[in-house]
C-alpha atoms as a PDB file:
ATOM      1  CA  THR A   1      71.102 -34.132  86.475  1.00  0.00           C
ATOM      2  CA  ASN A   2      70.410 -32.530  89.857  1.00  0.00           C
ATOM      3  CA  GLN A   3      72.772 -35.018  91.494  1.00  0.00           C
ATOM      4  CA  GLN A   4      75.568 -34.007  89.138  1.00  0.00           C
ATOM      5  CA  LYS A   5      74.823 -30.317  89.743  1.00  0.00           C
ATOM      6  CA  ALA A   6      74.935 -30.910  93.498  1.00  0.00           C
ATOM      7  CA  ILE A   7      78.247 -32.753  93.338  1.00  0.00           C
ATOM      8  CA  ASN A   8      79.713 -29.977  91.186  1.00  0.00           C
ATOM      9  CA  THR A   9      78.328 -27.289  93.513  1.00  0.00           C
ATOM     10  CA  PHE A  10      79.824 -28.888  96.618  1.00  0.00           C
ATOM     11  CA  SER A  11      83.219 -29.469  95.021  1.00  0.00           C
ATOM     12  CA  PRO A  12      86.272 -28.197  96.971  1.00  0.00           C
ATOM     13  CA  ARG A  13      87.163 -25.970  94.004  1.00  0.00           C
ATOM     14  CA  LYS A  14      83.850 -24.078  94.309  1.00  0.00           C
ATOM     15  CA  VAL A  15      84.381 -23.579  98.042  1.00  0.00           C
ATOM     16  CA  PHE A  16      87.946 -22.408  97.479  1.00  0.00           C
ATOM     17  CA  VAL A  17      86.877 -19.918  94.791  1.00  0.00           C
ATOM     18  CA  ALA A  18      84.066 -18.544  96.996  1.00  0.00           C
ATOM     19  CA  ILE A  19      86.430 -18.002  99.933  1.00  0.00           C
ATOM     20  CA  ILE A  20      89.179 -16.454  97.803  1.00  0.00           C
ATOM     21  CA  ILE A  21      86.817 -13.966  96.093  1.00  0.00           C
ATOM     22  CA  GLY A  22      85.387 -12.887  99.441  1.00  0.00           C
ATOM     23  CA  LEU A  23      88.807 -12.525 101.082  1.00  0.00           C
ATOM     24  CA  ILE A  24      90.267 -10.575  98.152  1.00  0.00           C
ATOM     25  CA  PHE A  25      87.481  -7.996  98.314  1.00  0.00           C
ATOM     26  CA  THR A  26      87.598  -7.881 102.120  1.00  0.00           C
ATOM     27  CA  GLY A  27      91.382  -7.478 102.068  1.00  0.00           C
ATOM     28  CA  TYR A  28      91.108  -4.652  99.557  1.00  0.00           C
ATOM     29  CA  LEU A  29      88.493  -2.833 101.665  1.00  0.00           C
ATOM     30  CA  LEU A  30      90.547  -3.273 104.844  1.00  0.00           C
ATOM     31  CA  TYR A  31      93.645  -1.966 103.051  1.00  0.00           C
ATOM     32  CA  GLN A  32      91.734   1.069 101.742  1.00  0.00           C
ATOM     33  CA  SER A  33      90.478   1.767 105.256  1.00  0.00           C
ATOM     34  CA  ILE A  34      93.954   1.455 106.801  1.00  0.00           C
ATOM     35  CA  ILE A  35      95.686   3.798 104.313  1.00  0.00           C
ATOM     36  CA  ASP A  36      92.952   6.436 104.616  1.00  0.00           C
ATOM     37  CA  PRO A  37      94.584   9.149 106.825  1.00  0.00           C
ATOM     38  CA  LYS A  38      91.355  10.133 108.567  1.00  0.00           C
ATOM     39  CA  ASN A  39      90.827   6.573 109.858  1.00  0.00           C
ATOM     40  CA  GLY A  40      94.037   6.505 111.906  1.00  0.00           C
ATOM     41  CA  GLY A  41      95.510   3.384 110.314  1.00  0.00           C
ATOM     42  CA  ILE A  42      95.508   0.035 112.118  1.00  0.00           C
ATOM     43  CA  ASP A  43      95.434   1.757 115.517  1.00  0.00           C
ATOM     44  CA  GLY A  44      92.223   3.550 114.535  1.00  0.00           C
ATOM     45  CA  MET A  45      90.668   0.273 113.429  1.00  0.00           C
ATOM     46  CA  ILE A  46      91.638  -1.476 116.679  1.00  0.00           C
ATOM     47  CA  GLN A  47      90.277   1.453 118.675  1.00  0.00           C
ATOM     48  CA  ALA A  48      86.950   1.300 116.799  1.00  0.00           C
ATOM     49  CA  LEU A  49      86.578  -2.400 117.681  1.00  0.00           C
ATOM     50  CA  SER A  50      88.043  -2.332 121.191  1.00  0.00           C
ATOM     51  CA  HIS A  51      84.995  -1.519 123.337  1.00  0.00           C
ATOM     52  CA  PRO A  52      81.970  -3.451 122.094  1.00  0.00           C
ATOM     53  CA  ASN A  53      78.728  -3.776 123.993  1.00  0.00           C
ATOM     54  CA  TRP A  54      78.878  -7.509 124.651  1.00  0.00           C
ATOM     55  CA  GLY A  55      75.147  -7.739 125.348  1.00  0.00           C
ATOM     56  CA  TRP A  56      74.295  -6.557 121.822  1.00  0.00           C
ATOM     57  CA  PHE A  57      77.093  -8.706 120.361  1.00  0.00           C
ATOM     58  CA  PHE A  58      75.758 -11.938 121.889  1.00  0.00           C
ATOM     59  CA  ALA A  59      72.223 -10.867 120.993  1.00  0.00           C
ATOM     60  CA  SER A  60      73.317 -10.859 117.325  1.00  0.00           C
ATOM     61  CA  ILE A  61      74.566 -14.463 117.661  1.00  0.00           C
ATOM     62  CA  PHE A  62      71.359 -15.519 119.438  1.00  0.00           C
ATOM     63  CA  ILE A  63      69.183 -13.962 116.709  1.00  0.00           C
ATOM     64  CA  LEU A  64      71.241 -15.713 114.020  1.00  0.00           C
ATOM     65  CA  LEU A  65      70.675 -19.088 115.716  1.00  0.00           C
ATOM     66  CA  LEU A  66      66.981 -18.250 116.174  1.00  0.00           C
ATOM     67  CA  ARG A  67      66.698 -17.435 112.474  1.00  0.00           C
ATOM     68  CA  ASP A  68      68.185 -20.799 111.477  1.00  0.00           C
ATOM     69  CA  SER A  69      65.872 -22.608 113.909  1.00  0.00           C
ATOM     70  CA  ILE A  70      62.822 -20.972 112.325  1.00  0.00           C
ATOM     71  CA  TYR A  71      64.225 -21.800 108.883  1.00  0.00           C
ATOM     72  CA  ILE A  72      64.427 -25.473 109.903  1.00  0.00           C
ATOM     73  CA  PHE A  73      60.866 -25.354 111.270  1.00  0.00           C
ATOM     74  CA  ARG A  74      59.596 -23.811 108.031  1.00  0.00           C
ATOM     75  CA  ILE A  75      60.977 -26.501 105.705  1.00  0.00           C
ATOM     76  CA  TYR A  76      59.715 -29.164 108.150  1.00  0.00           C
ATOM     77  CA  HIS A  77      56.279 -27.525 108.015  1.00  0.00           C
ATOM     78  CA  LEU A  78      56.221 -26.891 104.254  1.00  0.00           C
ATOM     79  CA  THR A  79      56.918 -30.566 103.554  1.00  0.00           C
ATOM     80  CA  GLN A  80      54.027 -31.424 105.913  1.00  0.00           C
ATOM     81  CA  LYS A  81      56.435 -33.350 108.138  1.00  0.00           C
ATOM     82  CA  GLU A  82      57.469 -35.731 105.355  1.00  0.00           C
ATOM     83  CA  LEU A  83      60.956 -34.430 106.055  1.00  0.00           C
ATOM     84  CA  SER A  84      62.315 -35.501 109.452  1.00  0.00           C
ATOM     85  CA  ILE A  85      63.762 -32.989 111.930  1.00  0.00           C
ATOM     86  CA  LYS A  86      67.263 -34.317 111.201  1.00  0.00           C
ATOM     87  CA  GLY A  87      66.567 -34.127 107.458  1.00  0.00           C
ATOM     88  CA  SER A  88      65.292 -30.567 107.894  1.00  0.00           C
ATOM     89  CA  VAL A  89      68.500 -29.550 109.690  1.00  0.00           C
ATOM     90  CA  TYR A  90      70.706 -31.035 106.953  1.00  0.00           C
ATOM     91  CA  THR A  91      68.514 -29.520 104.236  1.00  0.00           C
ATOM     92  CA  ILE A  92      68.837 -25.976 105.602  1.00  0.00           C
ATOM     93  CA  LEU A  93      72.576 -26.225 106.329  1.00  0.00           C
ATOM     94  CA  LEU A  94      73.339 -27.611 102.869  1.00  0.00           C
ATOM     95  CA  TRP A  95      70.955 -25.184 101.180  1.00  0.00           C
ATOM     96  CA  GLU A  96      72.769 -22.264 102.859  1.00  0.00           C
ATOM     97  CA  PHE A  97      76.066 -23.858 101.813  1.00  0.00           C
ATOM     98  CA  ALA A  98      74.883 -24.161  98.209  1.00  0.00           C
ATOM     99  CA  SER A  99      73.754 -20.512  98.230  1.00  0.00           C
ATOM    100  CA  ALA A 100      77.198 -19.501  99.509  1.00  0.00           C
ATOM    101  CA  VAL A 101      79.061 -21.212  96.638  1.00  0.00           C
ATOM    102  CA  THR A 102      76.701 -20.285  93.774  1.00  0.00           C
ATOM    103  CA  PRO A 103      76.080 -16.824  92.318  1.00  0.00           C
ATOM    104  CA  SER A 104      73.260 -14.965  94.101  1.00  0.00           C
ATOM    105  CA  VAL A 105      71.544 -14.454  90.753  1.00  0.00           C
ATOM    106  CA  VAL A 106      71.392 -18.274  90.340  1.00  0.00           C
ATOM    107  CA  GLY A 107      70.922 -19.430  93.925  1.00  0.00           C
ATOM    108  CA  GLY A 108      70.986 -22.993  95.231  1.00  0.00           C
ATOM    109  CA  THR A 109      67.563 -24.119  94.001  1.00  0.00           C
ATOM    110  CA  ALA A 110      68.712 -27.075  91.874  1.00  0.00           C
ATOM    111  CA  VAL A 111      70.774 -28.333  94.796  1.00  0.00           C
ATOM    112  CA  ALA A 112      67.853 -27.851  97.202  1.00  0.00           C
ATOM    113  CA  VAL A 113      65.626 -30.007  94.965  1.00  0.00           C
ATOM    114  CA  PHE A 114      68.328 -32.688  94.940  1.00  0.00           C
ATOM    115  CA  ILE A 115      68.681 -32.575  98.758  1.00  0.00           C
ATOM    116  CA  LEU A 116      64.932 -32.919  99.323  1.00  0.00           C
ATOM    117  CA  ALA A 117      64.700 -35.738  96.767  1.00  0.00           C
ATOM    118  CA  LYS A 118      67.542 -37.589  98.491  1.00  0.00           C
ATOM    119  CA  GLU A 119      65.676 -37.163 101.789  1.00  0.00           C
ATOM    120  CA  GLY A 120      62.756 -39.104 100.307  1.00  0.00           C
ATOM    121  CA  ILE A 121      60.557 -36.295  98.959  1.00  0.00           C
ATOM    122  CA  LYS A 122      59.196 -37.051  95.474  1.00  0.00           C
ATOM    123  CA  LEU A 123      60.765 -34.900  92.769  1.00  0.00           C
ATOM    124  CA  GLY A 124      57.585 -32.998  91.929  1.00  0.00           C
ATOM    125  CA  LYS A 125      56.946 -32.171  95.566  1.00  0.00           C
ATOM    126  CA  ALA A 126      60.597 -31.234  96.124  1.00  0.00           C
ATOM    127  CA  LEU A 127      60.445 -28.806  93.205  1.00  0.00           C
ATOM    128  CA  ALA A 128      57.184 -27.348  94.512  1.00  0.00           C
ATOM    129  CA  TYR A 129      58.545 -26.842  98.045  1.00  0.00           C
ATOM    130  CA  VAL A 130      61.711 -25.159  96.766  1.00  0.00           C
ATOM    131  CA  MET A 131      59.699 -22.887  94.464  1.00  0.00           C
ATOM    132  CA  LEU A 132      57.263 -22.086  97.271  1.00  0.00           C
ATOM    133  CA  THR A 133      60.188 -21.163  99.535  1.00  0.00           C
ATOM    134  CA  ALA A 134      61.528 -18.799  96.860  1.00  0.00           C
ATOM    135  CA  ILE A 135      58.082 -17.252  96.359  1.00  0.00           C
ATOM    136  CA  LEU A 136      57.664 -16.669 100.106  1.00  0.00           C
ATOM    137  CA  ASP A 137      61.158 -15.190 100.523  1.00  0.00           C
ATOM    138  CA  ASN A 138      60.902 -12.912  97.495  1.00  0.00           C
ATOM    139  CA  SER A 139      57.416 -11.784  98.483  1.00  0.00           C
ATOM    140  CA  PHE A 140      58.848 -10.588 101.798  1.00  0.00           C
ATOM    141  CA  PHE A 141      61.352  -8.355  99.968  1.00  0.00           C
ATOM    142  CA  LEU A 142      58.761  -7.098  97.517  1.00  0.00           C
ATOM    143  CA  LEU A 143      56.248  -6.170 100.240  1.00  0.00           C
ATOM    144  CA  VAL A 144      58.539  -4.903 102.987  1.00  0.00           C
ATOM    145  CA  ALA A 145      61.014  -2.889 100.864  1.00  0.00           C
ATOM    146  CA  PRO A 146      58.513  -0.199  99.670  1.00  0.00           C
ATOM    147  CA  ILE A 147      57.014   0.085 103.173  1.00  0.00           C
ATOM    148  CA  ALA A 148      60.435   0.543 104.770  1.00  0.00           C
ATOM    149  CA  ILE A 149      61.571   3.068 102.141  1.00  0.00           C
ATOM    150  CA  PHE A 150      58.429   5.210 102.368  1.00  0.00           C
ATOM    151  CA  ALA A 151      58.305   5.018 106.168  1.00  0.00           C
ATOM    152  CA  SER A 152      61.929   6.167 106.461  1.00  0.00           C
ATOM    153  CA  ASP A 153      62.493   9.639 107.945  1.00  0.00           C
ATOM    154  CA  THR A 154      64.829  10.590 105.098  1.00  0.00           C
ATOM    155  CA  ASN A 155      64.904   9.941 101.369  1.00  0.00           C
ATOM    156  CA  ILE A 156      67.343   7.075 101.669  1.00  0.00           C
ATOM    157  CA  PHE A 157      68.274   7.115  97.975  1.00  0.00           C
ATOM    158  CA  ASN A 158      69.185  10.803  98.151  1.00  0.00           C
ATOM    159  CA  VAL A 159      71.424   9.993 101.101  1.00  0.00           C
ATOM    160  CA  LEU A 160      73.071   7.112  99.243  1.00  0.00           C
ATOM    161  CA  GLY A 161      73.134   9.040  95.956  1.00  0.00           C
ATOM    162  CA  GLN A 162      75.671   8.051  93.291  1.00  0.00           C
ATOM    163  CA  ARG A 163      78.750   6.234  94.505  1.00  0.00           C
ATOM    164  CA  GLU A 164      81.915   5.058  92.846  1.00  0.00           C
ATOM    165  CA  ILE A 165      82.322   1.286  93.068  1.00  0.00           C
ATOM    166  CA  PHE A 166      85.859   0.391  91.966  1.00  0.00           C
ATOM    167  CA  GLY A 167      86.004   3.615  89.948  1.00  0.00           C
ATOM    168  CA  ILE A 168      82.618   3.057  88.256  1.00  0.00           C
ATOM    169  CA  PRO A 169      79.932   5.663  89.069  1.00  0.00           C
ATOM    170  CA  LEU A 170      76.721   3.848  90.002  1.00  0.00           C
ATOM    171  CA  LYS A 171      73.418   5.261  91.211  1.00  0.00           C
ATOM    172  CA  VAL A 172      72.158   3.070  94.038  1.00  0.00           C
ATOM    173  CA  GLU A 173      68.494   3.883  93.321  1.00  0.00           C
ATOM    174  CA  VAL A 174      68.761   2.628  89.714  1.00  0.00           C
ATOM    175  CA  ILE A 175      70.465  -0.617  90.759  1.00  0.00           C
ATOM    176  CA  PHE A 176      67.792  -1.193  93.407  1.00  0.00           C
ATOM    177  CA  TYR A 177      64.829  -0.704  91.061  1.00  0.00           C
ATOM    178  CA  VAL A 178      66.365  -2.898  88.339  1.00  0.00           C
ATOM    179  CA  SER A 179      66.870  -5.716  90.855  1.00  0.00           C
ATOM    180  CA  TYR A 180      63.429  -5.163  92.407  1.00  0.00           C
ATOM    181  CA  THR A 181      61.723  -5.371  88.992  1.00  0.00           C
ATOM    182  CA  LEU A 182      63.533  -8.578  88.044  1.00  0.00           C
ATOM    183  CA  ILE A 183      62.671 -10.204  91.385  1.00  0.00           C
ATOM    184  CA  ALA A 184      59.010  -9.165  90.964  1.00  0.00           C
ATOM    185  CA  LEU A 185      58.784 -10.664  87.459  1.00  0.00           C
ATOM    186  CA  TYR A 186      60.507 -13.870  88.554  1.00  0.00           C
ATOM    187  CA  THR A 187      58.282 -14.246  91.628  1.00  0.00           C
ATOM    188  CA  LEU A 188      55.030 -13.540  89.768  1.00  0.00           C
ATOM    189  CA  THR A 189      55.970 -16.107  87.091  1.00  0.00           C
ATOM    190  CA  MET A 190      56.689 -18.767  89.709  1.00  0.00           C
ATOM    191  CA  ALA A 191      53.545 -17.983  91.700  1.00  0.00           C
ATOM    192  CA  TYR A 192      51.422 -18.147  88.551  1.00  0.00           C
ATOM    193  CA  GLY A 193      52.924 -21.488  87.498  1.00  0.00           C
ATOM    194  CA  LEU A 194      52.781 -23.122  90.908  1.00  0.00           C
ATOM    195  CA  LEU A 195      49.738 -21.689  92.668  1.00  0.00           C
ATOM    196  CA  ILE A 196      47.371 -20.148  90.107  1.00  0.00           C
ATOM    197  CA  ASN A 197      47.462 -21.803  86.687  1.00  0.00           C
ATOM    198  CA  PRO A 198      50.002 -24.620  86.355  1.00  0.00           C
ATOM    199  CA  ARG A 199      48.202 -25.938  83.276  1.00  0.00           C
ATOM    200  CA  GLY A 200      48.506 -22.577  81.504  1.00  0.00           C
ATOM    201  CA  PHE A 201      52.142 -22.273  82.598  1.00  0.00           C
ATOM    202  CA  LYS A 202      52.820 -25.727  81.173  1.00  0.00           C
ATOM    203  CA  TRP A 203      51.210 -24.745  77.862  1.00  0.00           C
ATOM    204  CA  VAL A 204      53.304 -21.550  77.600  1.00  0.00           C
ATOM    205  CA  LEU A 205      56.549 -23.347  78.460  1.00  0.00           C
ATOM    206  CA  LEU A 206      55.917 -26.120  75.939  1.00  0.00           C
ATOM    207  CA  LYS A 207      55.091 -23.537  73.255  1.00  0.00           C
ATOM    208  CA  LEU A 208      58.340 -21.711  73.977  1.00  0.00           C
ATOM    209  CA  THR A 209      60.380 -24.916  73.825  1.00  0.00           C
ATOM    210  CA  SER A 210      58.821 -25.775  70.469  1.00  0.00           C
ATOM    211  CA  ILE A 211      60.957 -22.972  68.963  1.00  0.00           C
ATOM    212  CA  SER A 212      63.859 -24.558  67.092  1.00  0.00           C
ATOM    213  CA  PHE A 213      66.784 -23.270  69.193  1.00  0.00           C
ATOM    214  CA  LEU A 214      64.930 -24.074  72.470  1.00  0.00           C
ATOM    215  CA  ARG A 215      63.723 -27.529  71.413  1.00  0.00           C
ATOM    216  CA  ARG A 216      66.518 -29.374  73.200  1.00  0.00           C
ATOM    217  CA  TRP A 217      64.932 -28.356  76.548  1.00  0.00           C
ATOM    218  CA  ARG A 218      61.417 -29.507  75.589  1.00  0.00           C
ATOM    219  CA  PRO A 219      61.587 -32.954  77.291  1.00  0.00           C
ATOM    220  CA  ALA A 220      62.871 -31.361  80.524  1.00  0.00           C
ATOM    221  CA  ALA A 221      60.194 -28.658  80.310  1.00  0.00           C
ATOM    222  CA  TYR A 222      57.481 -31.286  79.864  1.00  0.00           C
ATOM    223  CA  GLU A 223      58.723 -33.367  82.780  1.00  0.00           C
ATOM    224  CA  GLN A 224      59.123 -30.468  85.210  1.00  0.00           C
ATOM    225  CA  THR A 225      55.807 -28.817  84.343  1.00  0.00           C
ATOM    226  CA  GLN A 226      54.078 -32.182  84.752  1.00  0.00           C
ATOM    227  CA  GLU A 227      55.647 -32.570  88.197  1.00  0.00           C
ATOM    228  CA  MET A 228      54.729 -28.969  89.044  1.00  0.00           C
ATOM    229  CA  PHE A 229      51.140 -29.576  87.992  1.00  0.00           C
ATOM    230  CA  LEU A 230      50.850 -32.558  90.347  1.00  0.00           C
ATOM    231  CA  ALA A 231      52.537 -30.704  93.217  1.00  0.00           C
ATOM    232  CA  SER A 232      50.379 -27.620  92.689  1.00  0.00           C
ATOM    233  CA  GLY A 233      47.251 -29.643  93.401  1.00  0.00           C
ATOM    234  CA  GLN A 234      48.636 -30.725  96.736  1.00  0.00           C
ATOM    235  CA  LEU A 235      49.709 -27.203  97.779  1.00  0.00           C
ATOM    236  CA  ASN A 236      46.368 -25.678  96.815  1.00  0.00           C
ATOM    237  CA  ASN A 237      44.527 -28.210  98.996  1.00  0.00           C
ATOM    238  CA  ASN A 238      46.261 -26.985 102.146  1.00  0.00           C
ATOM    239  CA  GLY A 239      44.184 -25.029 104.648  1.00  0.00           C
ATOM    240  CA  PHE A 240      44.571 -21.700 106.422  1.00  0.00           C
ATOM    241  CA  SER A 241      46.865 -23.055 109.153  1.00  0.00           C
ATOM    242  CA  TYR A 242      49.422 -24.282 106.593  1.00  0.00           C
ATOM    243  CA  TRP A 243      49.645 -20.919 104.828  1.00  0.00           C
ATOM    244  CA  PHE A 244      49.574 -18.877 108.045  1.00  0.00           C
ATOM    245  CA  LYS A 245      52.558 -20.782 109.489  1.00  0.00           C
ATOM    246  CA  ALA A 246      54.422 -20.625 106.163  1.00  0.00           C
ATOM    247  CA  ILE A 247      53.951 -16.851 105.804  1.00  0.00           C
ATOM    248  CA  SER A 248      54.542 -15.957 109.468  1.00  0.00           C
ATOM    249  CA  SER A 249      57.710 -18.088 109.684  1.00  0.00           C
ATOM    250  CA  THR A 250      59.031 -16.394 106.521  1.00  0.00           C
ATOM    251  CA  PHE A 251      58.425 -12.985 108.082  1.00  0.00           C
ATOM    252  CA  LEU A 252      60.265 -14.046 111.252  1.00  0.00           C
ATOM    253  CA  ILE A 253      63.186 -15.568 109.322  1.00  0.00           C
ATOM    254  CA  TRP A 254      63.984 -12.412 107.382  1.00  0.00           C
ATOM    255  CA  THR A 255      63.231 -10.029 110.224  1.00  0.00           C
ATOM    256  CA  ALA A 256      65.678 -11.977 112.390  1.00  0.00           C
ATOM    257  CA  ARG A 257      68.282 -11.993 109.610  1.00  0.00           C
ATOM    258  CA  TYR A 258      68.209  -8.200 109.407  1.00  0.00           C
ATOM    259  CA  LEU A 259      67.955  -7.621 113.170  1.00  0.00           C
ATOM    260  CA  MET A 260      71.160  -9.631 113.571  1.00  0.00           C
ATOM    261  CA  LEU A 261      73.100  -6.853 111.819  1.00  0.00           C
ATOM    262  CA  ASN A 262      71.177  -4.208 113.771  1.00  0.00           C
ATOM    263  CA  CYS A 263      72.495  -5.809 116.963  1.00  0.00           C
ATOM    264  CA  LEU A 264      76.023  -6.144 115.553  1.00  0.00           C
ATOM    265  CA  ILE A 265      76.204  -2.478 114.496  1.00  0.00           C
ATOM    266  CA  THR A 266      74.734  -1.379 117.838  1.00  0.00           C
ATOM    267  CA  ALA A 267      77.375  -3.465 119.643  1.00  0.00           C
ATOM    268  CA  PHE A 268      80.231  -1.505 118.040  1.00  0.00           C
ATOM    269  CA  GLY A 269      78.539   1.753 116.994  1.00  0.00           C
ATOM    270  CA  THR A 270      77.762   4.889 118.958  1.00  0.00           C
ATOM    271  CA  GLY A 271      74.671   7.004 119.569  1.00  0.00           C
ATOM    272  CA  ILE A 272      72.231   4.582 117.905  1.00  0.00           C
ATOM    273  CA  ASP A 273      68.583   5.111 118.915  1.00  0.00           C
ATOM    274  CA  ILE A 274      65.320   3.553 117.688  1.00  0.00           C
ATOM    275  CA  THR A 275      65.169   5.831 114.610  1.00  0.00           C
ATOM    276  CA  HIS A 276      68.660   4.736 113.601  1.00  0.00           C
ATOM    277  CA  GLN A 277      67.651   1.093 114.101  1.00  0.00           C
ATOM    278  CA  PHE A 278      64.886   1.514 111.540  1.00  0.00           C
ATOM    279  CA  ASP A 279      67.319   3.222 109.143  1.00  0.00           C
ATOM    280  CA  ILE A 280      69.791   0.327 109.473  1.00  0.00           C
ATOM    281  CA  PHE A 281      66.970  -2.168 108.865  1.00  0.00           C
ATOM    282  CA  THR A 282      65.818  -0.315 105.727  1.00  0.00           C
ATOM    283  CA  LYS A 283      69.342  -0.142 104.315  1.00  0.00           C
ATOM    284  CA  GLN A 284      69.722  -3.889 104.774  1.00  0.00           C
ATOM    285  CA  ILE A 285      66.585  -4.605 102.756  1.00  0.00           C
ATOM    286  CA  ILE A 286      67.884  -2.441  99.896  1.00  0.00           C
ATOM    287  CA  LEU A 287      71.346  -4.014 100.224  1.00  0.00           C
ATOM    288  CA  TRP A 288      69.908  -7.542 100.054  1.00  0.00           C
ATOM    289  CA  ILE A 289      67.814  -6.827  96.957  1.00  0.00           C
ATOM    290  CA  ILE A 290      70.849  -5.314  95.188  1.00  0.00           C
ATOM    291  CA  GLN A 291      72.981  -8.267  96.309  1.00  0.00           C
ATOM    292  CA  LEU A 292      70.632 -10.706  94.551  1.00  0.00           C
ATOM    293  CA  LEU A 293      72.011  -9.436  91.214  1.00  0.00           C
ATOM    294  CA  SER A 294      75.540 -10.502  92.115  1.00  0.00           C
ATOM    295  CA  PRO A 295      77.306 -12.859  89.653  1.00  0.00           C
ATOM    296  CA  THR A 296      79.778 -13.943  92.358  1.00  0.00           C
ATOM    297  CA  PRO A 297      79.315 -16.878  94.793  1.00  0.00           C
ATOM    298  CA  GLY A 298      77.048 -15.824  97.661  1.00  0.00           C
ATOM    299  CA  GLY A 299      77.374 -12.173  96.626  1.00  0.00           C
ATOM    300  CA  ALA A 300      81.066 -12.241  97.629  1.00  0.00           C
ATOM    301  CA  GLY A 301      82.706  -8.883  96.977  1.00  0.00           C
ATOM    302  CA  LEU A 302      79.532  -7.041  96.103  1.00  0.00           C
ATOM    303  CA  ALA A 303      78.037  -7.539  99.596  1.00  0.00           C
ATOM    304  CA  GLU A 304      81.159  -6.237 101.374  1.00  0.00           C
ATOM    305  CA  THR A 305      81.519  -3.317  98.964  1.00  0.00           C
ATOM    306  CA  PHE A 306      77.923  -2.152  99.256  1.00  0.00           C
ATOM    307  CA  PHE A 307      78.048  -2.610 103.026  1.00  0.00           C
ATOM    308  CA  GLY A 308      80.639   0.172 103.087  1.00  0.00           C
ATOM    309  CA  VAL A 309      78.630   2.252 100.617  1.00  0.00           C
ATOM    310  CA  PHE A 310      75.522   2.037 102.823  1.00  0.00           C
ATOM    311  CA  PHE A 311      77.087   2.560 106.253  1.00  0.00           C
ATOM    312  CA  GLN A 312      80.328   4.518 105.770  1.00  0.00           C
ATOM    313  CA  GLY A 313      79.729   8.081 106.880  1.00  0.00           C
ATOM    314  CA  SER A 314      76.366   7.200 108.423  1.00  0.00           C
ATOM    315  CA  GLY A 315      77.378   8.657 111.784  1.00  0.00           C
ATOM    316  CA  TYR A 316      76.826   5.372 113.638  1.00  0.00           C
ATOM    317  CA  GLY A 317      80.514   5.003 114.356  1.00  0.00           C
ATOM    318  CA  PRO A 318      83.997   6.019 113.130  1.00  0.00           C
ATOM    319  CA  ASP A 319      84.831   5.394 109.467  1.00  0.00           C
ATOM    320  CA  ALA A 320      87.543   2.938 110.565  1.00  0.00           C
ATOM    321  CA  LEU A 321      84.814   0.641 111.920  1.00  0.00           C
ATOM    322  CA  TRP A 322      83.015  -0.349 108.729  1.00  0.00           C
ATOM    323  CA  ALA A 323      85.541  -2.457 106.798  1.00  0.00           C
ATOM    324  CA  PRO A 324      86.289  -4.841 109.720  1.00  0.00           C
ATOM    325  CA  LEU A 325      82.597  -4.882 110.686  1.00  0.00           C
ATOM    326  CA  ALA A 326      81.683  -5.906 107.118  1.00  0.00           C
ATOM    327  CA  PHE A 327      84.110  -8.815 107.475  1.00  0.00           C
ATOM    328  CA  LEU A 328      82.591  -9.818 110.839  1.00  0.00           C
ATOM    329  CA  TRP A 329      79.096  -9.610 109.345  1.00  0.00           C
ATOM    330  CA  ARG A 330      80.150 -11.908 106.491  1.00  0.00           C
ATOM    331  CA  ILE A 331      81.758 -14.357 108.935  1.00  0.00           C
ATOM    332  CA  PHE A 332      78.366 -14.682 110.635  1.00  0.00           C
ATOM    333  CA  THR A 333      76.243 -14.887 107.498  1.00  0.00           C
ATOM    334  CA  TYR A 334      78.568 -16.380 104.856  1.00  0.00           C
ATOM    335  CA  TYR A 335      81.853 -18.002 105.912  1.00  0.00           C
ATOM    336  CA  THR A 336      80.196 -19.897 108.782  1.00  0.00           C
ATOM    337  CA  TYR A 337      77.923 -21.712 106.321  1.00  0.00           C
ATOM    338  CA  LEU A 338      80.862 -22.547 104.070  1.00  0.00           C
ATOM    339  CA  ILE A 339      82.634 -24.202 107.002  1.00  0.00           C
ATOM    340  CA  ILE A 340      79.463 -25.968 108.222  1.00  0.00           C
ATOM    341  CA  GLY A 341      78.739 -27.187 104.697  1.00  0.00           C
ATOM    342  CA  VAL A 342      82.213 -28.634 104.253  1.00  0.00           C
ATOM    343  CA  ILE A 343      81.699 -30.632 107.470  1.00  0.00           C
ATOM    344  CA  ALA A 344      78.023 -31.528 106.967  1.00  0.00           C
ATOM    345  CA  PHE A 345      77.997 -32.594 103.309  1.00  0.00           C
ATOM    346  CA  PRO A 346      80.262 -35.682 103.619  1.00  0.00           C
ATOM    347  CA  ARG A 347      78.374 -36.816 106.752  1.00  0.00           C
ATOM    348  CA  TRP A 348      75.036 -36.347 104.987  1.00  0.00           C
END
């Protein structure tokens, strides 16, 4: 089943749809920016991009590569070196590719399990490692987001307020807390099932799938909870060093991911000091949590739109800067992985 899901996920049609959705939204935002009189048209956009600080620009590329390197180290470490270095590289590249062509709300977890299984990791362990990765990543958002929001100099939600997204009035604070709550519930459920009480989780899941309209999933529920139970025992036997490296590498991965955009905005923006850097970092955390609700592949459309909502009028640069900078940001963090995945998947 996972093999079929993987093949479907990596189909050319999925890649084409992901690219088209992203480019349509990007094109619309660029067009809106160009026709806005206060932005100065195309000349204003070119002017906003014409004098970057190349040191900060190349720093953003370096941090992106550093982030991927730590990502590769983490999966190599989590699998306790059962996965080779080469297998770890392919796993991360294809996992990022899968995330780019599946809705953010779904993610590439089924594909990640398939990739690890094909690399020789037993299915139960593969499922456990993928779930553990999700728990670690989500825990970073859940812990860091409140700290960043409360430590911010301004009430960031008052600044963002209510915005119109394609003519629909939306309050950013409400969207954030809805997404945050769903992520918290999802993460706590996974952590309980994998790390605390897999036997109890198995019992609950089998009870749920005994209901008539859910009964068709009972065999799959039994099999996966059995695998999870076996994998849980192995994870819980790991010592302090294992968990310290797993948690610290997760912190570095996501810090680097956000600092990449800090460097990119600083490269093209103006008058950005250390306080502004923290503000940019905080906005990215909120943006990422909101983006996880996206029904489009890799958050295409929603990510670019909310990028403008968060940074347009922030004072870090002219208004003409933000639409093309959103596109450049997505090239680094989205389109690059689509291209790499198209090349890497057939070779793998």
